[in-house]
PDB file of N, CA and C in Angstrom:
ATOM      1  N   MET A   1       5.330 -48.120 182.283  1.00  0.00           N
ATOM      2  CA  MET A   1       6.112 -49.325 182.045  1.00  0.00           C
ATOM      3  C   MET A   1       5.227 -50.553 182.251  1.00  0.00           C
ATOM      4  N   ILE A   2       5.405 -51.508 181.392  1.00  0.00           N
ATOM      5  CA  ILE A   2       4.660 -52.732 181.573  1.00  0.00           C
ATOM      6  C   ILE A   2       5.504 -53.707 182.395  1.00  0.00           C
ATOM      7  N   TRP A   3       4.883 -54.795 182.810  1.00  0.00           N
ATOM      8  CA  TRP A   3       5.540 -55.694 183.750  1.00  0.00           C
ATOM      9  C   TRP A   3       6.783 -56.356 183.166  1.00  0.00           C
ATOM     10  N   THR A   4       6.829 -56.580 181.859  1.00  0.00           N
ATOM     11  CA  THR A   4       8.032 -57.202 181.292  1.00  0.00           C
ATOM     12  C   THR A   4       9.220 -56.251 181.352  1.00  0.00           C
ATOM     13  N   GLN A   5       8.962 -54.970 181.195  1.00  0.00           N
ATOM     14  CA  GLN A   5      10.058 -54.007 181.303  1.00  0.00           C
ATOM     15  C   GLN A   5      10.560 -53.908 182.743  1.00  0.00           C
ATOM     16  N   LEU A   6       9.647 -53.969 183.708  1.00  0.00           N
ATOM     17  CA  LEU A   6      10.074 -53.953 185.106  1.00  0.00           C
ATOM     18  C   LEU A   6      10.859 -55.219 185.447  1.00  0.00           C
ATOM     19  N   LEU A   7      10.383 -56.359 184.949  1.00  0.00           N
ATOM     20  CA  LEU A   7      11.115 -57.609 185.133  1.00  0.00           C
ATOM     21  C   LEU A   7      12.499 -57.504 184.495  1.00  0.00           C
ATOM     22  N   GLY A   8      12.557 -56.928 183.309  1.00  0.00           N
ATOM     23  CA  GLY A   8      13.835 -56.769 182.619  1.00  0.00           C
ATOM     24  C   GLY A   8      14.808 -55.893 183.377  1.00  0.00           C
ATOM     25  N   LEU A   9      14.313 -54.808 183.927  1.00  0.00           N
ATOM     26  CA  LEU A   9      15.196 -53.932 184.708  1.00  0.00           C
ATOM     27  C   LEU A   9      15.691 -54.635 185.966  1.00  0.00           C
ATOM     28  N   GLY A  10      14.812 -55.417 186.597  1.00  0.00           N
ATOM     29  CA  GLY A  10      15.240 -56.177 187.772  1.00  0.00           C
ATOM     30  C   GLY A  10      16.288 -57.214 187.432  1.00  0.00           C
ATOM     31  N   LEU A  11      16.056 -57.959 186.357  1.00  0.00           N
ATOM     32  CA  LEU A  11      17.040 -58.958 185.927  1.00  0.00           C
ATOM     33  C   LEU A  11      18.361 -58.306 185.530  1.00  0.00           C
ATOM     34  N   ALA A  12      18.278 -57.185 184.853  1.00  0.00           N
ATOM     35  CA  ALA A  12      19.498 -56.483 184.445  1.00  0.00           C
ATOM     36  C   ALA A  12      20.286 -56.006 185.665  1.00  0.00           C
ATOM     37  N   LEU A  13      19.573 -55.522 186.678  1.00  0.00           N
ATOM     38  CA  LEU A  13      20.249 -55.065 187.891  1.00  0.00           C
ATOM     39  C   LEU A  13      20.926 -56.231 188.615  1.00  0.00           C
ATOM     40  N   VAL A  14      20.208 -57.355 188.762  1.00  0.00           N
ATOM     41  CA  VAL A  14      20.801 -58.533 189.416  1.00  0.00           C
ATOM     42  C   VAL A  14      21.978 -59.057 188.587  1.00  0.00           C
ATOM     43  N   GLY A  15      21.836 -59.071 187.266  1.00  0.00           N
ATOM     44  CA  GLY A  15      22.925 -59.525 186.415  1.00  0.00           C
ATOM     45  C   GLY A  15      24.152 -58.637 186.506  1.00  0.00           C
ATOM     46  N   ALA A  16      23.937 -57.337 186.574  1.00  0.00           N
ATOM     47  CA  ALA A  16      25.077 -56.420 186.713  1.00  0.00           C
ATOM     48  C   ALA A  16      25.789 -56.641 188.040  1.00  0.00           C
ATOM     49  N   VAL A  17      25.033 -56.839 189.117  1.00  0.00           N
ATOM     50  CA  VAL A  17      25.650 -57.102 190.417  1.00  0.00           C
ATOM     51  C   VAL A  17      26.395 -58.439 190.385  1.00  0.00           C
ATOM     52  N   MET A  18      25.809 -59.452 189.718  1.00  0.00           N
ATOM     53  CA  MET A  18      26.492 -60.747 189.609  1.00  0.00           C
ATOM     54  C   MET A  18      27.791 -60.628 188.815  1.00  0.00           C
ATOM     55  N   ALA A  19      27.796 -59.787 187.800  1.00  0.00           N
ATOM     56  CA  ALA A  19      29.006 -59.627 186.991  1.00  0.00           C
ATOM     57  C   ALA A  19      30.080 -58.855 187.751  1.00  0.00           C
ATOM     58  N   ILE A  20      29.655 -57.887 188.547  1.00  0.00           N
ATOM     59  CA  ILE A  20      30.619 -57.069 189.280  1.00  0.00           C
ATOM     60  C   ILE A  20      31.150 -57.793 190.508  1.00  0.00           C
ATOM     61  N   PHE A  21      30.261 -58.475 191.238  1.00  0.00           N
ATOM     62  CA  PHE A  21      30.634 -59.164 192.476  1.00  0.00           C
ATOM     63  C   PHE A  21      30.284 -60.654 192.391  1.00  0.00           C
ATOM     64  N   PRO A  22      31.031 -61.447 191.625  1.00  0.00           N
ATOM     65  CA  PRO A  22      30.672 -62.866 191.473  1.00  0.00           C
ATOM     66  C   PRO A  22      30.804 -63.663 192.772  1.00  0.00           C
ATOM     67  N   ASP A  23      31.602 -63.201 193.727  1.00  0.00           N
ATOM     68  CA  ASP A  23      31.770 -63.933 194.980  1.00  0.00           C
ATOM     69  C   ASP A  23      30.491 -63.952 195.809  1.00  0.00           C
ATOM     70  N   TRP A  24      29.637 -62.975 195.637  1.00  0.00           N
ATOM     71  CA  TRP A  24      28.379 -62.918 196.387  1.00  0.00           C
ATOM     72  C   TRP A  24      27.415 -64.011 195.958  1.00  0.00           C
ATOM     73  N   PHE A  25      27.598 -64.554 194.774  1.00  0.00           N
ATOM     74  CA  PHE A  25      26.693 -65.547 194.206  1.00  0.00           C
ATOM     75  C   PHE A  25      27.431 -66.860 193.973  1.00  0.00           C
ATOM     76  N   GLY A  26      28.168 -67.321 194.961  1.00  0.00           N
ATOM     77  CA  GLY A  26      29.026 -68.493 194.840  1.00  0.00           C
ATOM     78  C   GLY A  26      28.386 -69.716 194.215  1.00  0.00           C
ATOM     79  N   PRO A  27      27.224 -70.206 194.709  1.00  0.00           N
ATOM     80  CA  PRO A  27      26.646 -71.418 194.122  1.00  0.00           C
ATOM     81  C   PRO A  27      26.218 -71.235 192.663  1.00  0.00           C
ATOM     82  N   LEU A  28      25.875 -70.025 192.265  1.00  0.00           N
ATOM     83  CA  LEU A  28      25.429 -69.801 190.899  1.00  0.00           C
ATOM     84  C   LEU A  28      26.573 -69.644 189.909  1.00  0.00           C
ATOM     85  N   VAL A  29      27.708 -69.171 190.375  1.00  0.00           N
ATOM     86  CA  VAL A  29      28.831 -68.898 189.465  1.00  0.00           C
ATOM     87  C   VAL A  29      30.020 -69.830 189.692  1.00  0.00           C
ATOM     88  N   ARG A  30      29.813 -70.925 190.358  1.00  0.00           N
ATOM     89  CA  ARG A  30      30.855 -71.892 190.696  1.00  0.00           C
ATOM     90  C   ARG A  30      31.894 -71.273 191.627  1.00  0.00           C
ATOM     91  N   PRO A  31      32.084 -71.841 192.787  1.00  0.00           N
ATOM     92  CA  PRO A  31      33.117 -71.311 193.683  1.00  0.00           C
ATOM     93  C   PRO A  31      34.500 -71.445 193.053  1.00  0.00           C
ATOM     94  N   LEU A  32      35.333 -70.506 193.328  1.00  0.00           N
ATOM     95  CA  LEU A  32      36.674 -70.488 192.748  1.00  0.00           C
ATOM     96  C   LEU A  32      37.554 -71.512 193.453  1.00  0.00           C
ATOM     97  N   GLU A  33      38.224 -72.332 192.667  1.00  0.00           N
ATOM     98  CA  GLU A  33      39.142 -73.312 193.224  1.00  0.00           C
ATOM     99  C   GLU A  33      40.432 -72.606 193.633  1.00  0.00           C
ATOM    100  N   PRO A  34      41.168 -73.184 194.581  1.00  0.00           N
ATOM    101  CA  PRO A  34      42.408 -72.534 195.028  1.00  0.00           C
ATOM    102  C   PRO A  34      43.413 -72.282 193.912  1.00  0.00           C
ATOM    103  N   ASP A  35      43.460 -73.171 192.915  1.00  0.00           N
ATOM    104  CA  ASP A  35      44.418 -72.994 191.825  1.00  0.00           C
ATOM    105  C   ASP A  35      43.744 -72.397 190.589  1.00  0.00           C
ATOM    106  N   GLY A  36      42.717 -71.578 190.801  1.00  0.00           N
ATOM    107  CA  GLY A  36      41.963 -71.004 189.693  1.00  0.00           C
ATOM    108  C   GLY A  36      42.842 -70.173 188.765  1.00  0.00           C
ATOM    109  N   THR A  37      42.714 -70.450 187.478  1.00  0.00           N
ATOM    110  CA  THR A  37      43.474 -69.694 186.496  1.00  0.00           C
ATOM    111  C   THR A  37      42.778 -68.362 186.232  1.00  0.00           C
ATOM    112  N   LEU A  38      43.465 -67.477 185.574  1.00  0.00           N
ATOM    113  CA  LEU A  38      42.886 -66.191 185.220  1.00  0.00           C
ATOM    114  C   LEU A  38      41.674 -66.378 184.309  1.00  0.00           C
ATOM    115  N   PHE A  39      41.731 -67.352 183.426  1.00  0.00           N
ATOM    116  CA  PHE A  39      40.606 -67.644 182.543  1.00  0.00           C
ATOM    117  C   PHE A  39      39.361 -68.002 183.352  1.00  0.00           C
ATOM    118  N   ALA A  40      39.516 -68.859 184.364  1.00  0.00           N
ATOM    119  CA  ALA A  40      38.388 -69.271 185.199  1.00  0.00           C
ATOM    120  C   ALA A  40      37.865 -68.113 186.040  1.00  0.00           C
ATOM    121  N   ILE A  41      38.752 -67.257 186.493  1.00  0.00           N
ATOM    122  CA  ILE A  41      38.338 -66.105 187.291  1.00  0.00           C
ATOM    123  C   ILE A  41      37.456 -65.179 186.459  1.00  0.00           C
ATOM    124  N   ILE A  42      37.836 -64.938 185.221  1.00  0.00           N
ATOM    125  CA  ILE A  42      37.039 -64.070 184.350  1.00  0.00           C
ATOM    126  C   ILE A  42      35.740 -64.754 183.953  1.00  0.00           C
ATOM    127  N   GLU A  43      35.777 -66.071 183.708  1.00  0.00           N
ATOM    128  CA  GLU A  43      34.575 -66.800 183.299  1.00  0.00           C
ATOM    129  C   GLU A  43      33.480 -66.764 184.357  1.00  0.00           C
ATOM    130  N   ARG A  44      33.837 -66.588 185.623  1.00  0.00           N
ATOM    131  CA  ARG A  44      32.829 -66.527 186.681  1.00  0.00           C
ATOM    132  C   ARG A  44      31.900 -65.330 186.511  1.00  0.00           C
ATOM    133  N   ARG A  45      32.355 -64.304 185.852  1.00  0.00           N
ATOM    134  CA  ARG A  45      31.539 -63.104 185.659  1.00  0.00           C
ATOM    135  C   ARG A  45      30.525 -63.250 184.520  1.00  0.00           C
ATOM    136  N   ILE A  46      30.709 -64.222 183.648  1.00  0.00           N
ATOM    137  CA  ILE A  46      29.923 -64.315 182.420  1.00  0.00           C
ATOM    138  C   ILE A  46      28.458 -64.628 182.698  1.00  0.00           C
ATOM    139  N   ARG A  47      28.165 -65.494 183.668  1.00  0.00           N
ATOM    140  CA  ARG A  47      26.762 -65.816 183.948  1.00  0.00           C
ATOM    141  C   ARG A  47      25.979 -64.581 184.352  1.00  0.00           C
ATOM    142  N   GLY A  48      26.590 -63.713 185.135  1.00  0.00           N
ATOM    143  CA  GLY A  48      25.932 -62.456 185.490  1.00  0.00           C
ATOM    144  C   GLY A  48      25.708 -61.581 184.270  1.00  0.00           C
ATOM    145  N   GLY A  49      26.661 -61.581 183.358  1.00  0.00           N
ATOM    146  CA  GLY A  49      26.505 -60.807 182.130  1.00  0.00           C
ATOM    147  C   GLY A  49      25.388 -61.344 181.260  1.00  0.00           C
ATOM    148  N   MET A  50      25.247 -62.665 181.224  1.00  0.00           N
ATOM    149  CA  MET A  50      24.158 -63.246 180.438  1.00  0.00           C
ATOM    150  C   MET A  50      22.805 -62.884 181.034  1.00  0.00           C
ATOM    151  N   LEU A  51      22.710 -62.887 182.358  1.00  0.00           N
ATOM    152  CA  LEU A  51      21.469 -62.460 183.006  1.00  0.00           C
ATOM    153  C   LEU A  51      21.208 -60.980 182.741  1.00  0.00           C
ATOM    154  N   LEU A  52      22.257 -60.182 182.727  1.00  0.00           N
ATOM    155  CA  LEU A  52      22.129 -58.773 182.360  1.00  0.00           C
ATOM    156  C   LEU A  52      21.575 -58.633 180.957  1.00  0.00           C
ATOM    157  N   GLY A  53      22.073 -59.416 180.031  1.00  0.00           N
ATOM    158  CA  GLY A  53      21.594 -59.363 178.654  1.00  0.00           C
ATOM    159  C   GLY A  53      20.139 -59.763 178.518  1.00  0.00           C
ATOM    160  N   VAL A  54      19.721 -60.809 179.240  1.00  0.00           N
ATOM    161  CA  VAL A  54      18.312 -61.219 179.202  1.00  0.00           C
ATOM    162  C   VAL A  54      17.435 -60.112 179.787  1.00  0.00           C
ATOM    163  N   GLY A  55      17.905 -59.474 180.843  1.00  0.00           N
ATOM    164  CA  GLY A  55      17.160 -58.358 181.414  1.00  0.00           C
ATOM    165  C   GLY A  55      17.024 -57.201 180.443  1.00  0.00           C
ATOM    166  N   LEU A  56      18.092 -56.892 179.732  1.00  0.00           N
ATOM    167  CA  LEU A  56      18.023 -55.829 178.731  1.00  0.00           C
ATOM    168  C   LEU A  56      17.062 -56.186 177.601  1.00  0.00           C
ATOM    169  N   LEU A  57      17.016 -57.465 177.247  1.00  0.00           N
ATOM    170  CA  LEU A  57      16.074 -57.912 176.220  1.00  0.00           C
ATOM    171  C   LEU A  57      14.639 -57.683 176.669  1.00  0.00           C
ATOM    172  N   PHE A  58      14.309 -58.089 177.891  1.00  0.00           N
ATOM    173  CA  PHE A  58      12.956 -57.881 178.396  1.00  0.00           C
ATOM    174  C   PHE A  58      12.613 -56.398 178.500  1.00  0.00           C
ATOM    175  N   ALA A  59      13.599 -55.573 178.832  1.00  0.00           N
ATOM    176  CA  ALA A  59      13.338 -54.135 178.941  1.00  0.00           C
ATOM    177  C   ALA A  59      13.151 -53.498 177.564  1.00  0.00           C
ATOM    178  N   ALA A  60      13.829 -54.015 176.551  1.00  0.00           N
ATOM    179  CA  ALA A  60      13.797 -53.388 175.224  1.00  0.00           C
ATOM    180  C   ALA A  60      12.660 -53.900 174.350  1.00  0.00           C
ATOM    181  N   ARG A  61      12.357 -55.192 174.420  1.00  0.00           N
ATOM    182  CA  ARG A  61      11.350 -55.793 173.535  1.00  0.00           C
ATOM    183  C   ARG A  61      10.105 -56.122 174.337  1.00  0.00           C
ATOM    184  N   THR A  62       8.990 -55.576 173.924  1.00  0.00           N
ATOM    185  CA  THR A  62       7.738 -55.845 174.623  1.00  0.00           C
ATOM    186  C   THR A  62       6.841 -56.806 173.851  1.00  0.00           C
ATOM    187  N   GLU A  63       7.168 -57.091 172.603  1.00  0.00           N
ATOM    188  CA  GLU A  63       6.375 -58.019 171.787  1.00  0.00           C
ATOM    189  C   GLU A  63       7.289 -59.084 171.207  1.00  0.00           C
ATOM    190  N   LEU A  64       6.746 -60.294 171.087  1.00  0.00           N
ATOM    191  CA  LEU A  64       7.552 -61.393 170.562  1.00  0.00           C
ATOM    192  C   LEU A  64       7.539 -61.480 169.039  1.00  0.00           C
ATOM    193  N   ARG A  65       6.548 -60.946 168.423  1.00  0.00           N
ATOM    194  CA  ARG A  65       6.423 -61.067 166.969  1.00  0.00           C
ATOM    195  C   ARG A  65       6.941 -59.832 166.294  1.00  0.00           C
ATOM    196  N   PRO A  66       7.592 -59.910 165.200  1.00  0.00           N
ATOM    197  CA  PRO A  66       7.939 -61.094 164.418  1.00  0.00           C
ATOM    198  C   PRO A  66       9.036 -61.906 165.106  1.00  0.00           C
ATOM    199  N   TRP A  67       8.923 -63.219 164.969  1.00  0.00           N
ATOM    200  CA  TRP A  67       9.835 -64.127 165.638  1.00  0.00           C
ATOM    201  C   TRP A  67      11.280 -63.945 165.200  1.00  0.00           C
ATOM    202  N   SER A  68      11.492 -63.659 163.936  1.00  0.00           N
ATOM    203  CA  SER A  68      12.878 -63.526 163.472  1.00  0.00           C
ATOM    204  C   SER A  68      13.576 -62.356 164.163  1.00  0.00           C
ATOM    205  N   ASP A  69      12.837 -61.275 164.389  1.00  0.00           N
ATOM    206  CA  ASP A  69      13.423 -60.147 165.112  1.00  0.00           C
ATOM    207  C   ASP A  69      13.656 -60.484 166.581  1.00  0.00           C
ATOM    208  N   SER A  70      12.731 -61.218 167.180  1.00  0.00           N
ATOM    209  CA  SER A  70      12.876 -61.577 168.596  1.00  0.00           C
ATOM    210  C   SER A  70      14.063 -62.502 168.813  1.00  0.00           C
ATOM    211  N   ILE A  71      14.265 -63.453 167.911  1.00  0.00           N
ATOM    212  CA  ILE A  71      15.395 -64.370 168.052  1.00  0.00           C
ATOM    213  C   ILE A  71      16.712 -63.627 167.846  1.00  0.00           C
ATOM    214  N   ALA A  72      16.753 -62.751 166.854  1.00  0.00           N
ATOM    215  CA  ALA A  72      17.977 -61.958 166.631  1.00  0.00           C
ATOM    216  C   ALA A  72      18.244 -61.029 167.815  1.00  0.00           C
ATOM    217  N   ALA A  73      17.203 -60.443 168.388  1.00  0.00           N
ATOM    218  CA  ALA A  73      17.379 -59.573 169.552  1.00  0.00           C
ATOM    219  C   ALA A  73      17.842 -60.382 170.759  1.00  0.00           C
ATOM    220  N   LEU A  74      17.309 -61.596 170.925  1.00  0.00           N
ATOM    221  CA  LEU A  74      17.743 -62.451 172.020  1.00  0.00           C
ATOM    222  C   LEU A  74      19.235 -62.756 171.900  1.00  0.00           C
ATOM    223  N   VAL A  75      19.666 -63.134 170.720  1.00  0.00           N
ATOM    224  CA  VAL A  75      21.094 -63.423 170.509  1.00  0.00           C
ATOM    225  C   VAL A  75      21.924 -62.174 170.770  1.00  0.00           C
ATOM    226  N   PHE A  76      21.482 -61.039 170.241  1.00  0.00           N
ATOM    227  CA  PHE A  76      22.232 -59.799 170.398  1.00  0.00           C
ATOM    228  C   PHE A  76      22.392 -59.428 171.870  1.00  0.00           C
ATOM    229  N   TYR A  77      21.288 -59.372 172.609  1.00  0.00           N
ATOM    230  CA  TYR A  77      21.360 -58.934 174.008  1.00  0.00           C
ATOM    231  C   TYR A  77      22.052 -59.956 174.900  1.00  0.00           C
ATOM    232  N   PHE A  78      21.828 -61.244 174.651  1.00  0.00           N
ATOM    233  CA  PHE A  78      22.478 -62.282 175.439  1.00  0.00           C
ATOM    234  C   PHE A  78      23.995 -62.189 175.297  1.00  0.00           C
ATOM    235  N   VAL A  79      24.458 -62.073 174.073  1.00  0.00           N
ATOM    236  CA  VAL A  79      25.904 -61.986 173.828  1.00  0.00           C
ATOM    237  C   VAL A  79      26.452 -60.634 174.286  1.00  0.00           C
ATOM    238  N   PHE A  80      25.638 -59.574 174.169  1.00  0.00           N
ATOM    239  CA  PHE A  80      26.063 -58.251 174.636  1.00  0.00           C
ATOM    240  C   PHE A  80      26.347 -58.271 176.138  1.00  0.00           C
ATOM    241  N   GLY A  81      25.454 -58.887 176.906  1.00  0.00           N
ATOM    242  CA  GLY A  81      25.673 -58.986 178.346  1.00  0.00           C
ATOM    243  C   GLY A  81      26.920 -59.783 178.674  1.00  0.00           C
ATOM    244  N   ALA A  82      27.105 -60.907 177.988  1.00  0.00           N
ATOM    245  CA  ALA A  82      28.305 -61.716 178.217  1.00  0.00           C
ATOM    246  C   ALA A  82      29.562 -60.941 177.842  1.00  0.00           C
ATOM    247  N   LEU A  83      29.490 -60.187 176.761  1.00  0.00           N
ATOM    248  CA  LEU A  83      30.641 -59.393 176.323  1.00  0.00           C
ATOM    249  C   LEU A  83      30.973 -58.298 177.334  1.00  0.00           C
ATOM    250  N   LEU A  84      29.953 -57.628 177.865  1.00  0.00           N
ATOM    251  CA  LEU A  84      30.202 -56.611 178.894  1.00  0.00           C
ATOM    252  C   LEU A  84      30.883 -57.216 180.115  1.00  0.00           C
ATOM    253  N   ALA A  85      30.387 -58.373 180.566  1.00  0.00           N
ATOM    254  CA  ALA A  85      30.984 -59.023 181.729  1.00  0.00           C
ATOM    255  C   ALA A  85      32.417 -59.474 181.434  1.00  0.00           C
ATOM    256  N   ARG A  86      32.651 -59.972 180.227  1.00  0.00           N
ATOM    257  CA  ARG A  86      33.998 -60.437 179.869  1.00  0.00           C
ATOM    258  C   ARG A  86      34.984 -59.266 179.836  1.00  0.00           C
ATOM    259  N   VAL A  87      34.567 -58.156 179.241  1.00  0.00           N
ATOM    260  CA  VAL A  87      35.451 -56.987 179.190  1.00  0.00           C
ATOM    261  C   VAL A  87      35.687 -56.433 180.596  1.00  0.00           C
ATOM    262  N   LEU A  88      34.647 -56.437 181.441  1.00  0.00           N
ATOM    263  CA  LEU A  88      34.829 -56.026 182.836  1.00  0.00           C
ATOM    264  C   LEU A  88      35.848 -56.924 183.518  1.00  0.00           C
ATOM    265  N   GLY A  89      35.751 -58.234 183.297  1.00  0.00           N
ATOM    266  CA  GLY A  89      36.725 -59.157 183.874  1.00  0.00           C
ATOM    267  C   GLY A  89      38.135 -58.909 183.370  1.00  0.00           C
ATOM    268  N   LEU A  90      38.265 -58.591 182.098  1.00  0.00           N
ATOM    269  CA  LEU A  90      39.594 -58.292 181.556  1.00  0.00           C
ATOM    270  C   LEU A  90      40.168 -57.017 182.174  1.00  0.00           C
ATOM    271  N   ILE A  91      39.315 -56.046 182.426  1.00  0.00           N
ATOM    272  CA  ILE A  91      39.783 -54.794 183.028  1.00  0.00           C
ATOM    273  C   ILE A  91      40.146 -54.994 184.492  1.00  0.00           C
ATOM    274  N   VAL A  92      39.292 -55.687 185.236  1.00  0.00           N
ATOM    275  CA  VAL A  92      39.477 -55.817 186.679  1.00  0.00           C
ATOM    276  C   VAL A  92      40.487 -56.905 187.043  1.00  0.00           C
ATOM    277  N   ASP A  93      40.383 -58.066 186.396  1.00  0.00           N
ATOM    278  CA  ASP A  93      41.172 -59.219 186.816  1.00  0.00           C
ATOM    279  C   ASP A  93      42.491 -59.381 186.076  1.00  0.00           C
ATOM    280  N   GLY A  94      42.588 -58.895 184.872  1.00  0.00           N
ATOM    281  CA  GLY A  94      43.845 -59.018 184.138  1.00  0.00           C
ATOM    282  C   GLY A  94      43.622 -59.493 182.714  1.00  0.00           C
ATOM    283  N   ASN A  95      44.706 -59.574 181.988  1.00  0.00           N
ATOM    284  CA  ASN A  95      44.692 -59.868 180.562  1.00  0.00           C
ATOM    285  C   ASN A  95      44.902 -61.358 180.312  1.00  0.00           C
ATOM    286  N   ASP A  96      44.064 -61.928 179.444  1.00  0.00           N
ATOM    287  CA  ASP A  96      44.212 -63.336 179.064  1.00  0.00           C
ATOM    288  C   ASP A  96      43.933 -63.443 177.572  1.00  0.00           C
ATOM    289  N   GLY A  97      44.826 -64.065 176.837  1.00  0.00           N
ATOM    290  CA  GLY A  97      44.698 -64.150 175.386  1.00  0.00           C
ATOM    291  C   GLY A  97      43.449 -64.884 174.920  1.00  0.00           C
ATOM    292  N   ARG A  98      43.112 -65.969 175.619  1.00  0.00           N
ATOM    293  CA  ARG A  98      41.912 -66.718 175.223  1.00  0.00           C
ATOM    294  C   ARG A  98      40.653 -65.890 175.417  1.00  0.00           C
ATOM    295  N   GLN A  99      40.651 -65.052 176.428  1.00  0.00           N
ATOM    296  CA  GLN A  99      39.483 -64.188 176.650  1.00  0.00           C
ATOM    297  C   GLN A  99      39.348 -63.173 175.520  1.00  0.00           C
ATOM    298  N   TRP A 100      40.466 -62.664 175.033  1.00  0.00           N
ATOM    299  CA  TRP A 100      40.398 -61.713 173.911  1.00  0.00           C
ATOM    300  C   TRP A 100      39.888 -62.395 172.647  1.00  0.00           C
ATOM    301  N   MET A 101      40.244 -63.677 172.474  1.00  0.00           N
ATOM    302  CA  MET A 101      39.708 -64.413 171.334  1.00  0.00           C
ATOM    303  C   MET A 101      38.182 -64.528 171.459  1.00  0.00           C
ATOM    304  N   LEU A 102      37.685 -64.798 172.660  1.00  0.00           N
ATOM    305  CA  LEU A 102      36.240 -64.894 172.872  1.00  0.00           C
ATOM    306  C   LEU A 102      35.554 -63.540 172.695  1.00  0.00           C
ATOM    307  N   VAL A 103      36.246 -62.453 173.042  1.00  0.00           N
ATOM    308  CA  VAL A 103      35.701 -61.111 172.782  1.00  0.00           C
ATOM    309  C   VAL A 103      35.496 -60.921 171.283  1.00  0.00           C
ATOM    310  N   ALA A 104      36.463 -61.338 170.495  1.00  0.00           N
ATOM    311  CA  ALA A 104      36.345 -61.211 169.038  1.00  0.00           C
ATOM    312  C   ALA A 104      35.206 -62.061 168.495  1.00  0.00           C
ATOM    313  N   VAL A 105      35.078 -63.293 168.997  1.00  0.00           N
ATOM    314  CA  VAL A 105      33.991 -64.172 168.537  1.00  0.00           C
ATOM    315  C   VAL A 105      32.634 -63.581 168.907  1.00  0.00           C
ATOM    316  N   GLU A 106      32.492 -63.114 170.129  1.00  0.00           N
ATOM    317  CA  GLU A 106      31.218 -62.538 170.562  1.00  0.00           C
ATOM    318  C   GLU A 106      30.890 -61.261 169.801  1.00  0.00           C
ATOM    319  N   THR A 107      31.902 -60.482 169.485  1.00  0.00           N
ATOM    320  CA  THR A 107      31.667 -59.275 168.689  1.00  0.00           C
ATOM    321  C   THR A 107      31.161 -59.639 167.303  1.00  0.00           C
ATOM    322  N   GLY A 108      31.725 -60.686 166.712  1.00  0.00           N
ATOM    323  CA  GLY A 108      31.248 -61.149 165.409  1.00  0.00           C
ATOM    324  C   GLY A 108      29.809 -61.640 165.465  1.00  0.00           C
ATOM    325  N   ILE A 109      29.468 -62.398 166.507  1.00  0.00           N
ATOM    326  CA  ILE A 109      28.091 -62.878 166.663  1.00  0.00           C
ATOM    327  C   ILE A 109      27.139 -61.699 166.820  1.00  0.00           C
ATOM    328  N   MET A 110      27.535 -60.720 167.605  1.00  0.00           N
ATOM    329  CA  MET A 110      26.693 -59.531 167.773  1.00  0.00           C
ATOM    330  C   MET A 110      26.538 -58.768 166.469  1.00  0.00           C
ATOM    331  N   ALA A 111      27.583 -58.692 165.687  1.00  0.00           N
ATOM    332  CA  ALA A 111      27.505 -57.983 164.409  1.00  0.00           C
ATOM    333  C   ALA A 111      26.526 -58.664 163.465  1.00  0.00           C
ATOM    334  N   VAL A 112      26.523 -59.992 163.444  1.00  0.00           N
ATOM    335  CA  VAL A 112      25.579 -60.718 162.594  1.00  0.00           C
ATOM    336  C   VAL A 112      24.151 -60.468 163.060  1.00  0.00           C
ATOM    337  N   ALA A 113      23.908 -60.547 164.369  1.00  0.00           N
ATOM    338  CA  ALA A 113      22.565 -60.300 164.897  1.00  0.00           C
ATOM    339  C   ALA A 113      22.132 -58.861 164.641  1.00  0.00           C
ATOM    340  N   ALA A 114      23.045 -57.907 164.813  1.00  0.00           N
ATOM    341  CA  ALA A 114      22.706 -56.506 164.571  1.00  0.00           C
ATOM    342  C   ALA A 114      22.407 -56.265 163.093  1.00  0.00           C
ATOM    343  N   ALA A 115      23.157 -56.915 162.208  1.00  0.00           N
ATOM    344  CA  ALA A 115      22.895 -56.768 160.775  1.00  0.00           C
ATOM    345  C   ALA A 115      21.522 -57.346 160.416  1.00  0.00           C
ATOM    346  N   TRP A 116      21.171 -58.471 161.043  1.00  0.00           N
ATOM    347  CA  TRP A 116      19.857 -59.062 160.815  1.00  0.00           C
ATOM    348  C   TRP A 116      18.750 -58.102 161.280  1.00  0.00           C
ATOM    349  N   LEU A 117      18.921 -57.525 162.452  1.00  0.00           N
ATOM    350  CA  LEU A 117      17.915 -56.585 162.960  1.00  0.00           C
ATOM    351  C   LEU A 117      17.828 -55.341 162.091  1.00  0.00           C
ATOM    352  N   TRP A 118      18.967 -54.864 161.625  1.00  0.00           N
ATOM    353  CA  TRP A 118      18.977 -53.673 160.776  1.00  0.00           C
ATOM    354  C   TRP A 118      18.302 -53.962 159.439  1.00  0.00           C
ATOM    355  N   ARG A 119      18.611 -55.130 158.868  1.00  0.00           N
ATOM    356  CA  ARG A 119      18.027 -55.517 157.588  1.00  0.00           C
ATOM    357  C   ARG A 119      16.516 -55.712 157.696  1.00  0.00           C
ATOM    358  N   SER A 120      16.064 -56.327 158.791  1.00  0.00           N
ATOM    359  CA  SER A 120      14.632 -56.594 158.926  1.00  0.00           C
ATOM    360  C   SER A 120      13.831 -55.341 159.249  1.00  0.00           C
ATOM    361  N   SER A 121      14.493 -54.302 159.753  1.00  0.00           N
ATOM    362  CA  SER A 121      13.767 -53.059 160.052  1.00  0.00           C
ATOM    363  C   SER A 121      13.684 -52.147 158.834  1.00  0.00           C
ATOM    364  N   GLY A 122      14.295 -52.526 157.745  1.00  0.00           N
ATOM    365  CA  GLY A 122      14.250 -51.714 156.522  1.00  0.00           C
ATOM    366  C   GLY A 122      15.325 -50.656 156.462  1.00  0.00           C
ATOM    367  N   GLY A 123      16.325 -50.748 157.340  1.00  0.00           N
ATOM    368  CA  GLY A 123      17.399 -49.767 157.395  1.00  0.00           C
ATOM    369  C   GLY A 123      18.378 -50.021 156.355  1.00  0.00           C
TER     370      GLY A 123
END
């Protein structure tokens, strides 16, 4: 393993812990206000998911070139991590309609990035 993959695994591990236990990282994920809505409770998990996605990107991609593939992979993994954290929040914390709308939007963004990666690989 090269150092970027080790860095990626470390970031992914910290991001997964942040998504699962957002209270442990209060200053990074905004402390919950007493009248916090369900939407805000679920949103606290998203930053950890984004860090998870960046970690997965570093673990999966070892070269930056071609740039178009790297940018599409960045979008894909970043949104994938956020989507995982959002779905975890929906499962653990409860159901919110606005969160489901964001799940649909993020799925669409991931589909576009995945199609770009598939097209550029000759698939």
